[in-house]
N, C-alpha and C. Protein backbone atom coordinates (compact mmCIF):
# COMPACT_ATOMS: atom_id res chain seq x y z
N UNK A 1 -8.94 19.59 -7.36
CA UNK A 1 -7.50 19.37 -7.23
C UNK A 1 -7.19 17.90 -6.94
N UNK A 2 -6.03 17.47 -7.34
CA UNK A 2 -5.60 16.09 -7.09
C UNK A 2 -4.88 16.02 -5.75
N UNK A 3 -5.22 14.99 -4.97
CA UNK A 3 -4.59 14.78 -3.68
C UNK A 3 -3.72 13.52 -3.73
N UNK A 4 -2.76 13.42 -2.82
CA UNK A 4 -1.85 12.28 -2.79
C UNK A 4 -2.62 10.96 -2.72
N UNK A 5 -2.14 9.98 -3.46
CA UNK A 5 -2.70 8.63 -3.53
C UNK A 5 -4.15 8.60 -4.01
N UNK A 6 -4.61 9.69 -4.61
CA UNK A 6 -5.97 9.72 -5.12
C UNK A 6 -7.03 9.86 -4.04
N UNK A 7 -6.63 10.30 -2.85
CA UNK A 7 -7.58 10.48 -1.75
C UNK A 7 -8.51 11.65 -2.04
N UNK A 8 -9.66 11.68 -1.36
CA UNK A 8 -10.65 12.73 -1.57
C UNK A 8 -10.24 14.06 -0.94
N UNK A 9 -9.45 14.00 0.12
CA UNK A 9 -9.01 15.22 0.81
C UNK A 9 -7.51 15.16 1.07
N UNK A 10 -6.92 16.31 1.27
CA UNK A 10 -5.51 16.38 1.65
C UNK A 10 -5.37 16.03 3.13
N UNK A 11 -4.23 15.49 3.48
CA UNK A 11 -3.96 15.17 4.88
C UNK A 11 -3.48 16.43 5.60
N UNK A 12 -3.74 16.52 6.91
CA UNK A 12 -3.23 17.66 7.68
C UNK A 12 -1.70 17.66 7.70
N UNK A 13 -1.13 18.78 8.03
CA UNK A 13 0.32 18.89 8.14
C UNK A 13 0.83 17.90 9.18
N UNK A 14 2.01 17.34 8.94
CA UNK A 14 2.65 16.34 9.81
C UNK A 14 1.95 14.99 9.80
N UNK A 15 1.14 14.70 8.76
CA UNK A 15 0.51 13.40 8.58
C UNK A 15 0.91 12.85 7.22
N UNK A 16 0.99 11.54 7.11
CA UNK A 16 1.29 10.89 5.84
C UNK A 16 0.00 10.50 5.15
N UNK A 17 -0.02 10.62 3.83
CA UNK A 17 -1.17 10.19 3.03
C UNK A 17 -0.94 8.74 2.62
N UNK A 18 -1.99 7.92 2.73
CA UNK A 18 -1.88 6.53 2.28
C UNK A 18 -3.22 6.04 1.78
N UNK A 19 -3.19 4.98 0.99
CA UNK A 19 -4.41 4.34 0.51
C UNK A 19 -4.11 2.87 0.31
N UNK A 20 -4.96 2.02 0.88
CA UNK A 20 -4.81 0.58 0.75
C UNK A 20 -6.03 0.06 0.02
N UNK A 21 -5.80 -0.66 -1.07
CA UNK A 21 -6.89 -1.22 -1.85
C UNK A 21 -6.80 -2.73 -1.80
N UNK A 22 -7.89 -3.35 -1.36
CA UNK A 22 -7.95 -4.81 -1.28
C UNK A 22 -8.15 -5.40 -2.66
N UNK A 23 -7.64 -6.58 -2.87
CA UNK A 23 -7.82 -7.25 -4.16
C UNK A 23 -9.19 -7.89 -4.27
N UNK A 24 -9.50 -8.37 -5.46
CA UNK A 24 -10.77 -9.04 -5.73
C UNK A 24 -10.46 -10.39 -6.37
N UNK A 25 -10.40 -11.43 -5.53
CA UNK A 25 -10.08 -12.79 -5.98
C UNK A 25 -8.79 -12.77 -6.80
N UNK A 26 -8.80 -13.42 -7.95
CA UNK A 26 -7.61 -13.42 -8.82
C UNK A 26 -7.72 -12.41 -9.94
N UNK A 27 -8.76 -11.57 -9.89
CA UNK A 27 -9.02 -10.63 -10.97
C UNK A 27 -8.26 -9.33 -10.78
N UNK A 28 -8.38 -8.72 -9.60
CA UNK A 28 -7.72 -7.45 -9.29
C UNK A 28 -6.84 -7.64 -8.08
N UNK A 29 -5.57 -7.30 -8.21
CA UNK A 29 -4.66 -7.46 -7.09
C UNK A 29 -4.72 -6.28 -6.14
N UNK A 30 -4.25 -6.47 -4.91
CA UNK A 30 -4.22 -5.38 -3.93
C UNK A 30 -3.13 -4.37 -4.26
N UNK A 31 -3.23 -3.19 -3.66
CA UNK A 31 -2.16 -2.20 -3.82
C UNK A 31 -2.08 -1.35 -2.56
N UNK A 32 -0.89 -0.85 -2.31
CA UNK A 32 -0.63 0.04 -1.18
C UNK A 32 0.08 1.27 -1.73
N UNK A 33 -0.52 2.45 -1.50
CA UNK A 33 0.07 3.72 -1.90
C UNK A 33 0.42 4.49 -0.62
N UNK A 34 1.59 5.11 -0.60
CA UNK A 34 2.03 5.89 0.55
C UNK A 34 2.71 7.15 0.04
N UNK A 35 2.19 8.30 0.43
CA UNK A 35 2.75 9.59 0.01
C UNK A 35 2.91 9.69 -1.50
N UNK A 36 1.89 9.23 -2.22
CA UNK A 36 1.82 9.29 -3.68
C UNK A 36 2.79 8.35 -4.38
N UNK A 37 3.34 7.38 -3.68
CA UNK A 37 4.21 6.37 -4.29
C UNK A 37 3.58 5.00 -4.08
N UNK A 38 3.47 4.22 -5.15
CA UNK A 38 2.93 2.87 -5.04
C UNK A 38 4.01 1.99 -4.42
N UNK A 39 3.73 1.43 -3.24
CA UNK A 39 4.70 0.56 -2.56
C UNK A 39 4.54 -0.89 -2.98
N UNK A 40 3.28 -1.32 -3.13
CA UNK A 40 3.00 -2.71 -3.50
C UNK A 40 1.86 -2.73 -4.52
N UNK A 41 2.01 -3.56 -5.56
CA UNK A 41 0.95 -3.72 -6.55
C UNK A 41 1.29 -4.90 -7.45
N UNK A 42 0.31 -5.34 -8.22
CA UNK A 42 0.57 -6.43 -9.17
C UNK A 42 1.52 -5.96 -10.27
N UNK A 43 1.50 -4.68 -10.60
CA UNK A 43 2.42 -4.14 -11.61
C UNK A 43 3.87 -4.24 -11.12
N UNK A 44 4.10 -3.98 -9.83
CA UNK A 44 5.45 -4.07 -9.26
C UNK A 44 5.83 -5.53 -8.99
N UNK A 45 4.85 -6.44 -9.10
CA UNK A 45 5.06 -7.87 -8.89
C UNK A 45 5.63 -8.18 -7.50
N UNK A 46 5.13 -7.47 -6.48
CA UNK A 46 5.60 -7.71 -5.11
C UNK A 46 4.46 -7.97 -4.14
N UNK A 47 3.35 -8.52 -4.64
CA UNK A 47 2.23 -8.88 -3.78
C UNK A 47 2.08 -10.39 -3.76
N UNK A 48 1.42 -10.89 -2.75
CA UNK A 48 1.19 -12.32 -2.65
C UNK A 48 -0.21 -12.60 -2.13
N UNK A 49 -0.55 -13.87 -2.11
CA UNK A 49 -1.84 -14.29 -1.59
C UNK A 49 -1.84 -14.09 -0.08
N UNK A 50 -2.93 -13.57 0.45
CA UNK A 50 -3.05 -13.37 1.90
C UNK A 50 -2.87 -11.91 2.29
N UNK A 51 -2.19 -11.69 3.39
CA UNK A 51 -1.97 -10.33 3.90
C UNK A 51 -0.69 -9.75 3.30
N UNK A 52 -0.83 -8.59 2.69
CA UNK A 52 0.32 -7.88 2.13
C UNK A 52 0.64 -6.72 3.05
N UNK A 53 1.91 -6.61 3.43
CA UNK A 53 2.31 -5.62 4.43
C UNK A 53 3.51 -4.82 3.94
N UNK A 54 3.45 -3.51 4.15
CA UNK A 54 4.58 -2.63 3.85
C UNK A 54 5.01 -1.99 5.16
N UNK A 55 6.28 -2.13 5.51
CA UNK A 55 6.83 -1.52 6.71
C UNK A 55 7.48 -0.20 6.32
N UNK A 56 6.99 0.89 6.93
CA UNK A 56 7.45 2.23 6.59
C UNK A 56 7.97 2.92 7.85
N UNK A 57 9.09 3.62 7.73
CA UNK A 57 9.63 4.40 8.83
C UNK A 57 8.65 5.53 9.15
N UNK A 58 8.15 5.58 10.37
CA UNK A 58 7.15 6.57 10.77
C UNK A 58 7.69 7.98 10.92
N UNK A 59 9.00 8.14 10.92
CA UNK A 59 9.59 9.47 11.04
C UNK A 59 9.81 10.13 9.68
N UNK A 60 10.42 9.38 8.77
CA UNK A 60 10.76 9.99 7.48
C UNK A 60 9.94 9.45 6.30
N UNK A 61 9.13 8.42 6.52
CA UNK A 61 8.27 7.89 5.47
C UNK A 61 8.95 6.98 4.47
N UNK A 62 10.18 6.55 4.76
CA UNK A 62 10.91 5.68 3.84
C UNK A 62 10.44 4.23 3.98
N UNK A 63 10.30 3.56 2.84
CA UNK A 63 9.92 2.15 2.83
C UNK A 63 11.08 1.31 3.34
N UNK A 64 10.81 0.46 4.33
CA UNK A 64 11.83 -0.39 4.90
C UNK A 64 11.77 -1.81 4.34
N UNK A 65 10.54 -2.35 4.21
CA UNK A 65 10.42 -3.74 3.80
C UNK A 65 8.98 -4.02 3.36
N UNK A 66 8.82 -4.93 2.41
CA UNK A 66 7.49 -5.42 2.03
C UNK A 66 7.45 -6.92 2.17
N UNK A 67 6.27 -7.45 2.36
CA UNK A 67 6.14 -8.91 2.46
C UNK A 67 4.68 -9.31 2.45
N UNK A 68 4.46 -10.61 2.34
CA UNK A 68 3.08 -11.11 2.40
C UNK A 68 3.05 -12.38 3.25
N UNK A 69 1.91 -12.60 3.87
CA UNK A 69 1.69 -13.77 4.72
C UNK A 69 0.52 -14.54 4.15
N UNK A 70 0.78 -15.76 3.68
CA UNK A 70 -0.25 -16.60 3.09
C UNK A 70 -1.12 -17.20 4.19
N UNK A 71 -2.31 -16.66 4.34
CA UNK A 71 -3.23 -17.10 5.39
C UNK A 71 -4.01 -18.35 4.99
N UNK A 72 -3.97 -18.72 3.72
CA UNK A 72 -4.74 -19.86 3.23
C UNK A 72 -4.01 -21.16 3.50
N UNK A 73 -2.75 -21.22 3.16
CA UNK A 73 -2.01 -22.48 3.27
C UNK A 73 -1.46 -22.71 4.67
N UNK A 74 -1.56 -21.69 5.53
CA UNK A 74 -1.09 -21.86 6.90
C UNK A 74 0.35 -21.46 7.02
């Protein structure tokens, strides 16, 4: 069976499913999946160099904000 975000197992009741994939240099970009919805990816063109962060409401699972922090340039 297929599980949310391509995870190997289903999450217990009252838990959110998520998957964070780190990028590989300039070849493969990072992605963040939450409850079977891609929040950030190179396809959505909303990722940046450094730390990519998605702020999600912990009660209802709604995406509030995305952003990135460039750790290389300071």
